[in-house]
Amino acid sequence: MKRILIFLIAIGLAIPAMASSSAAEEAAPKTLYYALVPAMVGNYGSGERLKYYKADVALRIANKEAEDKVKHHEPLIRNQLVMLFSQQTEQSLGSVEAKEQLRQEALKQVQEVLIQEEGQPLVDDLLFNNLIIQ
């Protein structure tokens, strides 16, 4: 009988603790990262020698609803990024500062596309998981 009573008290104490932790989890904003897979590969620059880039891009998104909208517009986003990358030169990809400037421009263009299509930017940040230039 003591065991049953102790068990019931333990359950009684655990249920409110579990309820408060799940409420706290729901209240906390969840950041999602949406990777544009497969990586974008193409040529850039001009001149006699072909130059190649490979970019693994991830988008930081605030919620699942925004992620669904971004997935829907992924072909348009990829097209915009491929066009941006193909316009680059060795100078615009040669340094860390230049790559950061490219990242910011890519974010700006992705947000402009989403504003045009959805009326809001939806994407908080754009990250290069990998950027290879050859």
Protein backbone atom coordinates (compact mmCIF):
# COMPACT_ATOMS: atom_id res chain seq x y z
CA MET A 1 0.00 0.00 0.00
CA LYS A 2 2.89 2.37 0.81
CA ARG A 3 4.43 1.69 -2.60
CA ILE A 4 1.21 2.59 -4.38
CA LEU A 5 0.86 5.78 -2.36
CA ILE A 6 4.46 6.80 -3.08
CA PHE A 7 3.98 5.98 -6.77
CA LEU A 8 0.84 8.16 -6.97
CA ILE A 9 2.58 11.06 -5.22
CA ALA A 10 5.54 10.78 -7.60
CA ILE A 11 3.23 10.83 -10.63
CA GLY A 12 1.30 13.75 -9.16
CA LEU A 13 4.50 15.77 -8.84
CA ALA A 14 5.85 14.80 -12.27
CA ILE A 15 2.80 15.74 -14.35
CA PRO A 16 2.90 19.52 -13.59
CA ALA A 17 6.66 19.57 -14.20
CA MET A 18 6.21 17.92 -17.60
CA ALA A 19 3.40 20.31 -18.52
CA SER A 20 5.46 23.39 -17.68
CA SER A 21 8.48 22.16 -19.65
CA SER A 22 6.39 21.50 -22.75
CA ALA A 23 4.80 24.95 -22.45
CA ALA A 24 8.26 26.51 -22.21
CA GLU A 25 9.38 24.60 -25.31
CA GLU A 26 6.37 25.82 -27.28
CA ALA A 27 6.94 29.43 -26.21
CA ALA A 28 10.62 29.41 -27.26
CA PRO A 29 11.14 30.45 -30.88
CA LYS A 30 12.40 27.59 -33.03
CA THR A 31 14.93 28.36 -35.68
CA LEU A 32 15.01 26.04 -38.66
CA TYR A 33 17.76 25.65 -41.24
CA TYR A 34 16.71 24.72 -44.75
CA ALA A 35 19.54 23.43 -46.94
CA LEU A 36 19.34 23.96 -50.68
CA VAL A 37 20.22 20.46 -51.86
CA PRO A 38 21.99 19.59 -54.13
CA ALA A 39 24.79 22.11 -53.98
CA MET A 40 24.90 24.74 -56.69
CA VAL A 41 27.74 24.24 -59.15
CA GLY A 42 28.58 26.45 -62.10
CA ASN A 43 31.00 28.72 -63.92
CA TYR A 44 31.84 32.30 -63.05
CA GLY A 45 33.94 35.10 -64.44
CA SER A 46 35.19 35.55 -67.96
CA GLY A 47 38.44 34.96 -69.76
CA GLU A 48 40.31 32.11 -71.36
CA ARG A 49 40.25 29.78 -68.37
CA LEU A 50 36.98 28.49 -66.96
CA LYS A 51 36.47 29.12 -63.26
CA TYR A 52 34.09 27.02 -61.18
CA TYR A 53 32.21 27.45 -57.94
CA LYS A 54 30.38 25.02 -55.70
CA ALA A 55 28.11 26.51 -53.05
CA ASP A 56 26.29 24.63 -50.28
CA VAL A 57 23.71 27.11 -49.03
CA ALA A 58 21.45 26.95 -45.97
CA LEU A 59 18.64 29.36 -45.16
CA ARG A 60 17.73 30.27 -41.58
CA ILE A 61 13.95 30.34 -41.20
CA ALA A 62 11.79 31.22 -38.19
CA ASN A 63 9.07 28.56 -38.37
CA LYS A 64 7.65 25.53 -40.18
CA GLU A 65 5.08 27.58 -42.11
CA ALA A 66 7.84 29.76 -43.57
CA GLU A 67 9.85 26.63 -44.39
CA ASP A 68 6.95 25.25 -46.43
CA LYS A 69 6.70 28.49 -48.40
CA VAL A 70 10.47 28.55 -49.00
CA LYS A 71 10.33 24.93 -50.24
CA HIS A 72 7.58 25.93 -52.65
CA HIS A 73 9.70 28.76 -54.08
CA GLU A 74 13.02 26.87 -54.03
CA PRO A 75 13.40 26.71 -57.85
CA LEU A 76 13.05 30.49 -58.09
CA ILE A 77 15.49 31.00 -55.19
CA ARG A 78 18.03 28.62 -56.74
CA ASN A 79 17.76 30.41 -60.09
CA GLN A 80 18.37 33.78 -58.46
CA LEU A 81 21.43 32.46 -56.60
CA VAL A 82 22.90 30.74 -59.67
CA MET A 83 22.54 33.98 -61.65
CA LEU A 84 24.23 35.92 -58.83
CA PHE A 85 27.13 33.46 -58.53
CA SER A 86 27.71 33.33 -62.29
CA GLN A 87 28.13 37.14 -62.39
CA GLN A 88 31.03 37.09 -59.91
CA THR A 89 34.69 37.77 -60.72
CA GLU A 90 37.92 36.65 -59.08
CA GLN A 91 38.04 39.95 -57.18
CA SER A 92 34.50 39.49 -55.83
CA LEU A 93 35.34 36.00 -54.54
CA GLY A 94 39.00 36.44 -53.64
CA SER A 95 38.87 37.49 -50.00
CA VAL A 96 36.92 36.77 -46.84
CA GLU A 97 35.38 40.26 -46.93
CA ALA A 98 34.32 39.74 -50.54
CA LYS A 99 32.69 36.42 -49.68
CA GLU A 100 30.82 38.06 -46.81
CA GLN A 101 29.64 40.76 -49.19
CA LEU A 102 28.47 38.03 -51.60
CA ARG A 103 26.62 36.29 -48.75
CA GLN A 104 24.82 39.50 -47.84
CA GLU A 105 23.91 40.17 -51.47
CA ALA A 106 22.62 36.60 -51.82
CA LEU A 107 20.48 37.04 -48.69
CA LYS A 108 19.13 40.32 -50.03
CA GLN A 109 18.18 38.75 -53.35
CA VAL A 110 16.51 35.73 -51.72
CA GLN A 111 14.50 38.04 -49.49
CA GLU A 112 13.50 40.19 -52.48
CA VAL A 113 12.25 37.11 -54.33
CA LEU A 114 10.21 36.01 -51.33
CA ILE A 115 8.79 39.50 -50.77
CA GLN A 116 7.75 39.55 -54.41
CA GLU A 117 6.09 36.13 -54.18
CA GLU A 118 4.81 35.99 -50.57
CA GLY A 119 4.77 39.59 -49.37
CA GLN A 120 7.34 38.99 -46.62
CA PRO A 121 11.04 38.02 -46.55
CA LEU A 122 10.58 34.71 -44.60
CA VAL A 123 14.36 34.09 -44.51
CA ASP A 124 16.32 35.55 -41.59
CA ASP A 125 19.81 34.66 -42.80
CA LEU A 126 21.71 32.86 -45.54
CA LEU A 127 24.74 30.75 -44.71
CA PHE A 128 27.42 29.19 -46.87
CA ASN A 129 28.02 25.73 -45.45
CA ASN A 130 30.67 25.30 -48.10
CA LEU A 131 31.92 27.65 -50.82
CA ILE A 132 34.57 26.22 -53.11
CA ILE A 133 36.13 28.31 -55.84
CA GLN A 134 38.46 26.87 -58.42
